[in-house]
Amino acid sequence: MPAIQNVFLFIAPMGHYLNYGSVVLHDIISANRQAGQIITELIGDAANPEKTEEQLKTLQPKVFSAVGHGNSTTYTVESTAKFVDAESPKLELFKDKIVSLTSCLTAIELGPAIIDAGALVFMGYKDEFWFYIGDEAGTTHAVQSPFLATFQFEASLLRGKTTGEARKDQLAKYDEEIQYWTVGAGKDHPESLELTRILEINKSVSTFLGEPDVAPSLPSITMPISPMLPWAISLLALSAMIYREATK
C-alpha cells in the first residue's frame, strides 16, 4: 500500500532526556499543522516499538518524523528500545515515505539503508546531535535553539513545501539561529559561543538523502505562523551545559 498524502506520524519519546526534543516537536506541529491533515503523535510510553510499527502499517503516513537515541545503524524509541536497524525487515515500512530522524549518527548507515528500502527522503545526522541543557526544557531560547533549526524541516513540510524547499528552510534556520547568538539578541548570553558552536556542528553533520521534489502536504490551505514559537528542548549534563548522546 502506498504512503498517503497529507498523513503524518510523529514519534516523541519522553525518557532519557528525549522529552526535550519531543516537547519542541509537539509545539512545531501545533503551530504549523494545516486543515485536512491527518496527524498522529505517539508520545511517551506510546512511543514504543510495537505501537510505532502498528501505526506505520495502519496509517501509511507520507511523513515519518521521530526523536530518539541512536547510532550509525540503529534508531531507538521510548526507553531506548530498538525500533529499526540497517538490516531489519522493518525497513520496508519506510517505502514511499519521507523519513526524518533527530537521532545521533543514524545518517551513516541506517539512513542509506532506509533509502535503499524505498524511502523517498531521509533527513538525519551523520554524527552526534548536540544541544544545550543549561536551563529547564522549553524555558529559554538557549535550550530551544538547536531544535528550532532542525525541526524547521518538519514545519515547512506541514505547510505544504517540497522536501527540497524544506531542506533549504532548515539550513536557513540554522544560519538564523547562529546569527542570533553571534550578532543578535543572544550575543551577550554567557554561553553564546558554546551555543553557536553547537549549531554549527549540527548544521555541518545534517544530512539530506533522496528526492527534493516531494510535497507531502497540500499547500493550498495556510495558517499564520507565530513569529515567536515556544520551541523547547535541551540536553544532558547540566554541569557540562551540553549533552552528548552516547552511542550504544
C-alpha atoms as a PDB file:
ATOM      1  CA  MET A   1       0.000   0.000   0.000  1.00  0.00           C
ATOM      2  CA  PRO A   2       1.493   3.377  -0.977  1.00  0.00           C
ATOM      3  CA  ALA A   3       2.034   6.143   1.539  1.00  0.00           C
ATOM      4  CA  ILE A   4      -0.899   8.524   1.813  1.00  0.00           C
ATOM      5  CA  GLN A   5      -0.635  12.243   1.080  1.00  0.00           C
ATOM      6  CA  ASN A   6      -1.374  14.595   3.995  1.00  0.00           C
ATOM      7  CA  VAL A   7      -0.770  11.894   6.625  1.00  0.00           C
ATOM      8  CA  PHE A   8       1.973  12.477   9.232  1.00  0.00           C
ATOM      9  CA  LEU A   9       3.264  10.233  12.026  1.00  0.00           C
ATOM     10  CA  PHE A  10       5.435  11.744  14.765  1.00  0.00           C
ATOM     11  CA  ILE A  11       7.306   9.679  17.366  1.00  0.00           C
ATOM     12  CA  ALA A  12       8.015  11.546  20.608  1.00  0.00           C
ATOM     13  CA  PRO A  13       9.729   9.563  23.395  1.00  0.00           C
ATOM     14  CA  MET A  14       9.935  11.309  26.756  1.00  0.00           C
ATOM     15  CA  GLY A  15      12.514   9.359  28.770  1.00  0.00           C
ATOM     16  CA  HIS A  16      16.302   9.654  28.764  1.00  0.00           C
ATOM     17  CA  TYR A  17      16.115  13.417  28.126  1.00  0.00           C
ATOM     18  CA  LEU A  18      14.171  12.917  24.907  1.00  0.00           C
ATOM     19  CA  ASN A  19      11.287  14.919  26.374  1.00  0.00           C
ATOM     20  CA  TYR A  20      13.271  17.992  25.381  1.00  0.00           C
ATOM     21  CA  GLY A  21      13.083  17.190  21.693  1.00  0.00           C
ATOM     22  CA  SER A  22       9.567  15.853  21.875  1.00  0.00           C
ATOM     23  CA  VAL A  23       8.186  18.994  23.525  1.00  0.00           C
ATOM     24  CA  VAL A  24       9.600  21.138  20.747  1.00  0.00           C
ATOM     25  CA  LEU A  25       8.327  18.829  18.063  1.00  0.00           C
ATOM     26  CA  HIS A  26       4.829  18.986  19.536  1.00  0.00           C
ATOM     27  CA  ASP A  27       4.912  22.786  19.563  1.00  0.00           C
ATOM     28  CA  ILE A  28       6.012  22.892  15.944  1.00  0.00           C
ATOM     29  CA  ILE A  29       3.232  20.553  14.904  1.00  0.00           C
ATOM     30  CA  SER A  30       0.677  22.679  16.744  1.00  0.00           C
ATOM     31  CA  ALA A  31       1.913  25.893  15.142  1.00  0.00           C
ATOM     32  CA  ASN A  32       2.171  24.632  11.557  1.00  0.00           C
ATOM     33  CA  ARG A  33      -0.488  21.978  11.021  1.00  0.00           C
ATOM     34  CA  GLN A  34      -2.994  22.631   8.263  1.00  0.00           C
ATOM     35  CA  ALA A  35      -6.665  21.816   7.874  1.00  0.00           C
ATOM     36  CA  GLY A  36      -7.203  18.439   6.271  1.00  0.00           C
ATOM     37  CA  GLN A  37      -4.005  16.865   7.575  1.00  0.00           C
ATOM     38  CA  ILE A  38      -4.126  13.596   9.489  1.00  0.00           C
ATOM     39  CA  ILE A  39      -1.538  13.909  12.259  1.00  0.00           C
ATOM     40  CA  THR A  40      -0.719  11.251  14.823  1.00  0.00           C
ATOM     41  CA  GLU A  41       1.727  11.776  17.682  1.00  0.00           C
ATOM     42  CA  LEU A  42       2.967   8.835  19.734  1.00  0.00           C
ATOM     43  CA  ILE A  43       4.176  10.432  22.978  1.00  0.00           C
ATOM     44  CA  GLY A  44       5.999   8.931  25.944  1.00  0.00           C
ATOM     45  CA  ASP A  45       5.047   5.319  26.663  1.00  0.00           C
ATOM     46  CA  ALA A  46       3.037   5.213  23.423  1.00  0.00           C
ATOM     47  CA  ALA A  47       6.264   5.755  21.506  1.00  0.00           C
ATOM     48  CA  ASN A  48       7.224   2.110  21.815  1.00  0.00           C
ATOM     49  CA  PRO A  49       8.329  -0.302  19.072  1.00  0.00           C
ATOM     50  CA  GLU A  50       5.016  -2.152  18.856  1.00  0.00           C
ATOM     51  CA  LYS A  51       2.821   0.952  18.600  1.00  0.00           C
ATOM     52  CA  THR A  52       5.209   2.622  16.188  1.00  0.00           C
ATOM     53  CA  GLU A  53       5.132  -0.365  13.848  1.00  0.00           C
ATOM     54  CA  GLU A  54       1.366  -0.674  14.141  1.00  0.00           C
ATOM     55  CA  GLN A  55       0.779   2.978  13.252  1.00  0.00           C
ATOM     56  CA  LEU A  56       3.194   2.854  10.322  1.00  0.00           C
ATOM     57  CA  LYS A  57       1.296  -0.090   8.887  1.00  0.00           C
ATOM     58  CA  THR A  58      -2.166   1.291   9.632  1.00  0.00           C
ATOM     59  CA  LEU A  59      -1.710   4.932   8.682  1.00  0.00           C
ATOM     60  CA  GLN A  60       0.802   4.597   5.833  1.00  0.00           C
ATOM     61  CA  PRO A  61       1.969   8.178   6.548  1.00  0.00           C
ATOM     62  CA  LYS A  62       3.738  10.176   3.894  1.00  0.00           C
ATOM     63  CA  VAL A  63       5.944  11.670   6.635  1.00  0.00           C
ATOM     64  CA  PHE A  64       7.538   9.742   9.492  1.00  0.00           C
ATOM     65  CA  SER A  65       9.374  12.078  11.871  1.00  0.00           C
ATOM     66  CA  ALA A  66      10.942  10.793  15.070  1.00  0.00           C
ATOM     67  CA  VAL A  67      13.052  11.850  18.029  1.00  0.00           C
ATOM     68  CA  GLY A  68      15.239   9.232  19.688  1.00  0.00           C
ATOM     69  CA  HIS A  69      18.652   7.998  20.635  1.00  0.00           C
ATOM     70  CA  GLY A  70      20.590   6.093  18.043  1.00  0.00           C
ATOM     71  CA  ASN A  71      23.861   5.096  16.472  1.00  0.00           C
ATOM     72  CA  SER A  72      25.172   4.530  12.975  1.00  0.00           C
ATOM     73  CA  THR A  73      22.940   1.509  12.367  1.00  0.00           C
ATOM     74  CA  THR A  74      20.062   1.826  14.824  1.00  0.00           C
ATOM     75  CA  TYR A  75      17.169   4.089  15.842  1.00  0.00           C
ATOM     76  CA  THR A  76      15.547   3.618  19.276  1.00  0.00           C
ATOM     77  CA  VAL A  77      12.272   4.832  20.741  1.00  0.00           C
ATOM     78  CA  GLU A  78      10.976   5.148  24.335  1.00  0.00           C
ATOM     79  CA  SER A  79      13.319   3.705  26.983  1.00  0.00           C
ATOM     80  CA  THR A  80      15.962   3.314  24.235  1.00  0.00           C
ATOM     81  CA  ALA A  81      14.113   0.272  22.908  1.00  0.00           C
ATOM     82  CA  LYS A  82      15.362  -0.615  19.428  1.00  0.00           C
ATOM     83  CA  PHE A  83      12.860   0.031  16.667  1.00  0.00           C
ATOM     84  CA  VAL A  84      14.849  -0.493  13.484  1.00  0.00           C
ATOM     85  CA  ASP A  85      18.393  -1.122  12.318  1.00  0.00           C
ATOM     86  CA  ALA A  86      20.142  -1.154   8.973  1.00  0.00           C
ATOM     87  CA  GLU A  87      19.435  -4.858   8.413  1.00  0.00           C
ATOM     88  CA  SER A  88      15.904  -5.051   9.826  1.00  0.00           C
ATOM     89  CA  PRO A  89      12.913  -6.269   7.795  1.00  0.00           C
ATOM     90  CA  LYS A  90      11.101  -3.243   9.239  1.00  0.00           C
ATOM     91  CA  LEU A  91      12.937  -1.097   6.683  1.00  0.00           C
ATOM     92  CA  GLU A  92      10.193  -1.969   4.212  1.00  0.00           C
ATOM     93  CA  LEU A  93       7.798   0.076   6.359  1.00  0.00           C
ATOM     94  CA  PHE A  94       9.510   3.231   5.078  1.00  0.00           C
ATOM     95  CA  LYS A  95       8.851   2.580   1.391  1.00  0.00           C
ATOM     96  CA  ASP A  96       7.432   5.618  -0.414  1.00  0.00           C
ATOM     97  CA  LYS A  97       7.829   7.771   2.713  1.00  0.00           C
ATOM     98  CA  ILE A  98       9.744  10.824   3.905  1.00  0.00           C
ATOM     99  CA  VAL A  99      11.741   9.846   6.985  1.00  0.00           C
ATOM    100  CA  SER A 100      13.284  12.358   9.399  1.00  0.00           C
ATOM    101  CA  LEU A 101      15.245  11.128  12.427  1.00  0.00           C
ATOM    102  CA  THR A 102      16.528  13.549  15.038  1.00  0.00           C
ATOM    103  CA  SER A 103      18.852  10.900  16.374  1.00  0.00           C
ATOM    104  CA  CYS A 104      22.627  10.773  16.585  1.00  0.00           C
ATOM    105  CA  LEU A 105      24.677   9.100  13.855  1.00  0.00           C
ATOM    106  CA  THR A 106      21.748   7.496  12.038  1.00  0.00           C
ATOM    107  CA  ALA A 107      22.652   9.076   8.683  1.00  0.00           C
ATOM    108  CA  ILE A 108      25.800   6.946   8.477  1.00  0.00           C
ATOM    109  CA  GLU A 109      24.325   3.500   7.743  1.00  0.00           C
ATOM    110  CA  LEU A 110      20.670   3.494   8.727  1.00  0.00           C
ATOM    111  CA  GLY A 111      19.717   6.457   6.539  1.00  0.00           C
ATOM    112  CA  PRO A 112      21.158   4.978   3.332  1.00  0.00           C
ATOM    113  CA  ALA A 113      19.539   1.627   4.194  1.00  0.00           C
ATOM    114  CA  ILE A 114      16.170   3.383   4.559  1.00  0.00           C
ATOM    115  CA  ILE A 115      16.629   4.946   1.130  1.00  0.00           C
ATOM    116  CA  ASP A 116      17.660   1.597  -0.367  1.00  0.00           C
ATOM    117  CA  ALA A 117      14.463   0.114   1.065  1.00  0.00           C
ATOM    118  CA  GLY A 118      12.398   2.542  -0.998  1.00  0.00           C
ATOM    119  CA  ALA A 119      12.001   5.680   1.101  1.00  0.00           C
ATOM    120  CA  LEU A 120      11.772   8.875  -0.924  1.00  0.00           C
ATOM    121  CA  VAL A 121      13.790  11.013   1.503  1.00  0.00           C
ATOM    122  CA  PHE A 122      15.914  10.578   4.597  1.00  0.00           C
ATOM    123  CA  MET A 123      16.785  13.533   6.820  1.00  0.00           C
ATOM    124  CA  GLY A 124      19.155  12.895   9.721  1.00  0.00           C
ATOM    125  CA  TYR A 125      22.587  13.359  11.269  1.00  0.00           C
ATOM    126  CA  LYS A 126      25.884  11.672  10.455  1.00  0.00           C
ATOM    127  CA  ASP A 127      27.448  12.484  13.831  1.00  0.00           C
ATOM    128  CA  GLU A 128      26.203  13.338  17.329  1.00  0.00           C
ATOM    129  CA  PHE A 129      23.365  15.834  17.585  1.00  0.00           C
ATOM    130  CA  TRP A 130      24.195  18.387  20.284  1.00  0.00           C
ATOM    131  CA  PHE A 131      22.007  20.707  22.343  1.00  0.00           C
ATOM    132  CA  TYR A 132      22.189  22.961  25.375  1.00  0.00           C
ATOM    133  CA  ILE A 133      20.730  21.998  28.757  1.00  0.00           C
ATOM    134  CA  GLY A 134      21.723  24.900  30.963  1.00  0.00           C
ATOM    135  CA  ASP A 135      18.049  25.689  31.640  1.00  0.00           C
ATOM    136  CA  GLU A 136      14.907  23.632  32.055  1.00  0.00           C
ATOM    137  CA  ALA A 137      13.486  22.258  28.836  1.00  0.00           C
ATOM    138  CA  GLY A 138      11.297  24.694  26.963  1.00  0.00           C
ATOM    139  CA  THR A 139      12.028  27.676  29.185  1.00  0.00           C
ATOM    140  CA  THR A 140      14.559  29.693  27.176  1.00  0.00           C
ATOM    141  CA  HIS A 141      15.716  30.335  23.637  1.00  0.00           C
ATOM    142  CA  ALA A 142      19.026  28.724  24.552  1.00  0.00           C
ATOM    143  CA  VAL A 143      17.512  25.285  25.160  1.00  0.00           C
ATOM    144  CA  GLN A 144      15.170  25.617  22.193  1.00  0.00           C
ATOM    145  CA  SER A 145      17.647  26.883  19.616  1.00  0.00           C
ATOM    146  CA  PRO A 146      19.097  23.635  18.153  1.00  0.00           C
ATOM    147  CA  PHE A 147      15.602  22.237  17.753  1.00  0.00           C
ATOM    148  CA  LEU A 148      14.177  25.372  16.205  1.00  0.00           C
ATOM    149  CA  ALA A 149      16.732  24.767  13.487  1.00  0.00           C
ATOM    150  CA  THR A 150      16.372  21.048  12.882  1.00  0.00           C
ATOM    151  CA  PHE A 151      12.566  20.931  13.108  1.00  0.00           C
ATOM    152  CA  GLN A 152      12.195  23.692  10.542  1.00  0.00           C
ATOM    153  CA  PHE A 153      12.244  20.766   8.104  1.00  0.00           C
ATOM    154  CA  GLU A 154       9.022  19.416   9.626  1.00  0.00           C
ATOM    155  CA  ALA A 155       7.460  22.872   9.909  1.00  0.00           C
ATOM    156  CA  SER A 156       7.965  23.528   6.200  1.00  0.00           C
ATOM    157  CA  LEU A 157       6.631  20.110   5.185  1.00  0.00           C
ATOM    158  CA  LEU A 158       3.493  20.698   7.251  1.00  0.00           C
ATOM    159  CA  ARG A 159       2.983  23.984   5.447  1.00  0.00           C
ATOM    160  CA  GLY A 160       2.979  22.350   2.030  1.00  0.00           C
ATOM    161  CA  LYS A 161       6.559  22.809   0.865  1.00  0.00           C
ATOM    162  CA  THR A 162       8.571  20.225  -1.021  1.00  0.00           C
ATOM    163  CA  THR A 163      11.339  18.263   0.628  1.00  0.00           C
ATOM    164  CA  GLY A 164      13.979  20.323  -1.159  1.00  0.00           C
ATOM    165  CA  GLU A 165      12.368  23.581  -0.068  1.00  0.00           C
ATOM    166  CA  ALA A 166      12.066  22.279   3.488  1.00  0.00           C
ATOM    167  CA  ARG A 167      15.770  21.402   3.493  1.00  0.00           C
ATOM    168  CA  LYS A 168      16.678  24.911   2.304  1.00  0.00           C
ATOM    169  CA  ASP A 169      14.469  26.391   5.023  1.00  0.00           C
ATOM    170  CA  GLN A 170      16.159  24.190   7.617  1.00  0.00           C
ATOM    171  CA  LEU A 171      19.653  25.337   6.612  1.00  0.00           C
ATOM    172  CA  ALA A 172      18.484  28.949   6.591  1.00  0.00           C
ATOM    173  CA  LYS A 173      17.046  28.480  10.083  1.00  0.00           C
ATOM    174  CA  TYR A 174      20.412  27.174  11.269  1.00  0.00           C
ATOM    175  CA  ASP A 175      22.011  30.354   9.912  1.00  0.00           C
ATOM    176  CA  GLU A 176      19.361  32.485  11.581  1.00  0.00           C
ATOM    177  CA  GLU A 177      19.956  30.832  14.944  1.00  0.00           C
ATOM    178  CA  ILE A 178      23.733  31.162  14.579  1.00  0.00           C
ATOM    179  CA  GLN A 179      23.318  34.842  13.812  1.00  0.00           C
ATOM    180  CA  TYR A 180      21.104  35.256  16.874  1.00  0.00           C
ATOM    181  CA  TRP A 181      23.941  34.077  19.149  1.00  0.00           C
ATOM    182  CA  THR A 182      26.780  35.867  17.337  1.00  0.00           C
ATOM    183  CA  VAL A 183      25.449  39.314  16.463  1.00  0.00           C
ATOM    184  CA  GLY A 184      21.806  39.244  17.540  1.00  0.00           C
ATOM    185  CA  ALA A 185      19.933  39.484  20.796  1.00  0.00           C
ATOM    186  CA  GLY A 186      21.680  36.428  22.217  1.00  0.00           C
ATOM    187  CA  LYS A 187      25.262  37.626  21.741  1.00  0.00           C
ATOM    188  CA  ASP A 188      25.597  38.622  25.408  1.00  0.00           C
ATOM    189  CA  HIS A 189      24.423  35.281  26.745  1.00  0.00           C
ATOM    190  CA  PRO A 190      27.203  33.743  28.889  1.00  0.00           C
ATOM    191  CA  GLU A 191      27.164  30.597  26.734  1.00  0.00           C
ATOM    192  CA  SER A 192      26.692  32.304  23.361  1.00  0.00           C
ATOM    193  CA  LEU A 193      29.944  30.906  21.944  1.00  0.00           C
ATOM    194  CA  GLU A 194      29.020  27.384  23.023  1.00  0.00           C
ATOM    195  CA  LEU A 195      25.540  27.713  21.593  1.00  0.00           C
ATOM    196  CA  THR A 196      26.957  28.972  18.316  1.00  0.00           C
ATOM    197  CA  ARG A 197      29.330  26.025  18.146  1.00  0.00           C
ATOM    198  CA  ILE A 198      26.509  23.551  18.855  1.00  0.00           C
ATOM    199  CA  LEU A 199      24.515  24.939  15.945  1.00  0.00           C
ATOM    200  CA  GLU A 200      27.494  24.991  13.616  1.00  0.00           C
ATOM    201  CA  ILE A 201      28.305  21.362  14.387  1.00  0.00           C
ATOM    202  CA  ASN A 202      24.729  20.191  13.958  1.00  0.00           C
ATOM    203  CA  LYS A 203      24.369  22.025  10.667  1.00  0.00           C
ATOM    204  CA  SER A 204      27.621  20.565   9.340  1.00  0.00           C
ATOM    205  CA  VAL A 205      26.569  16.978  10.060  1.00  0.00           C
ATOM    206  CA  SER A 206      22.934  17.297   8.991  1.00  0.00           C
ATOM    207  CA  THR A 207      22.266  15.020   6.038  1.00  0.00           C
ATOM    208  CA  PHE A 208      19.600  15.023   3.339  1.00  0.00           C
ATOM    209  CA  LEU A 209      19.251  11.983   1.090  1.00  0.00           C
ATOM    210  CA  GLY A 210      16.743  11.343  -1.666  1.00  0.00           C
ATOM    211  CA  GLU A 211      14.324  13.334  -3.775  1.00  0.00           C
ATOM    212  CA  PRO A 212      13.959  17.134  -3.447  1.00  0.00           C
ATOM    213  CA  ASP A 213      10.605  17.452  -5.218  1.00  0.00           C
ATOM    214  CA  VAL A 214       8.254  15.537  -2.923  1.00  0.00           C
ATOM    215  CA  ALA A 215       5.388  17.547  -1.430  1.00  0.00           C
ATOM    216  CA  PRO A 216       3.698  15.501   1.303  1.00  0.00           C
ATOM    217  CA  SER A 217       1.016  18.050   2.112  1.00  0.00           C
ATOM    218  CA  LEU A 218      -1.286  20.257   0.091  1.00  0.00           C
ATOM    219  CA  PRO A 219      -0.079  23.895   0.016  1.00  0.00           C
ATOM    220  CA  SER A 220      -3.472  25.467  -0.677  1.00  0.00           C
ATOM    221  CA  ILE A 221      -4.566  25.814   2.961  1.00  0.00           C
ATOM    222  CA  THR A 222      -2.462  28.127   5.071  1.00  0.00           C
ATOM    223  CA  MET A 223      -2.347  29.301   8.650  1.00  0.00           C
ATOM    224  CA  PRO A 224      -0.332  32.203  10.069  1.00  0.00           C
ATOM    225  CA  ILE A 225       2.940  31.308  11.759  1.00  0.00           C
ATOM    226  CA  SER A 226       3.563  32.871  15.123  1.00  0.00           C
ATOM    227  CA  PRO A 227       6.804  34.884  14.973  1.00  0.00           C
ATOM    228  CA  MET A 228       7.820  33.530  18.388  1.00  0.00           C
ATOM    229  CA  LEU A 229       7.211  29.793  18.592  1.00  0.00           C
ATOM    230  CA  PRO A 230       7.533  28.165  22.038  1.00  0.00           C
ATOM    231  CA  TRP A 231      10.182  25.706  20.934  1.00  0.00           C
ATOM    232  CA  ALA A 232      11.578  23.601  23.694  1.00  0.00           C
ATOM    233  CA  ILE A 233      14.339  21.067  24.066  1.00  0.00           C
ATOM    234  CA  SER A 234      17.645  20.827  25.799  1.00  0.00           C
ATOM    235  CA  LEU A 235      20.024  18.058  26.697  1.00  0.00           C
ATOM    236  CA  LEU A 236      22.103  16.365  29.287  1.00  0.00           C
ATOM    237  CA  ALA A 237      24.695  17.083  31.940  1.00  0.00           C
ATOM    238  CA  LEU A 238      23.924  20.437  33.467  1.00  0.00           C
ATOM    239  CA  SER A 239      27.483  20.708  34.704  1.00  0.00           C
ATOM    240  CA  ALA A 240      28.804  20.469  31.180  1.00  0.00           C
ATOM    241  CA  MET A 241      25.901  22.508  29.773  1.00  0.00           C
ATOM    242  CA  ILE A 242      25.794  20.161  26.833  1.00  0.00           C
ATOM    243  CA  TYR A 243      24.631  16.651  26.409  1.00  0.00           C
ATOM    244  CA  ARG A 244      26.376  14.331  24.059  1.00  0.00           C
ATOM    245  CA  GLU A 245      24.262  11.301  23.271  1.00  0.00           C
ATOM    246  CA  ALA A 246      26.070   8.072  23.985  1.00  0.00           C
ATOM    247  CA  THR A 247      26.404   5.637  21.131  1.00  0.00           C
ATOM    248  CA  LYS A 248      25.375   2.199  22.253  1.00  0.00           C
END
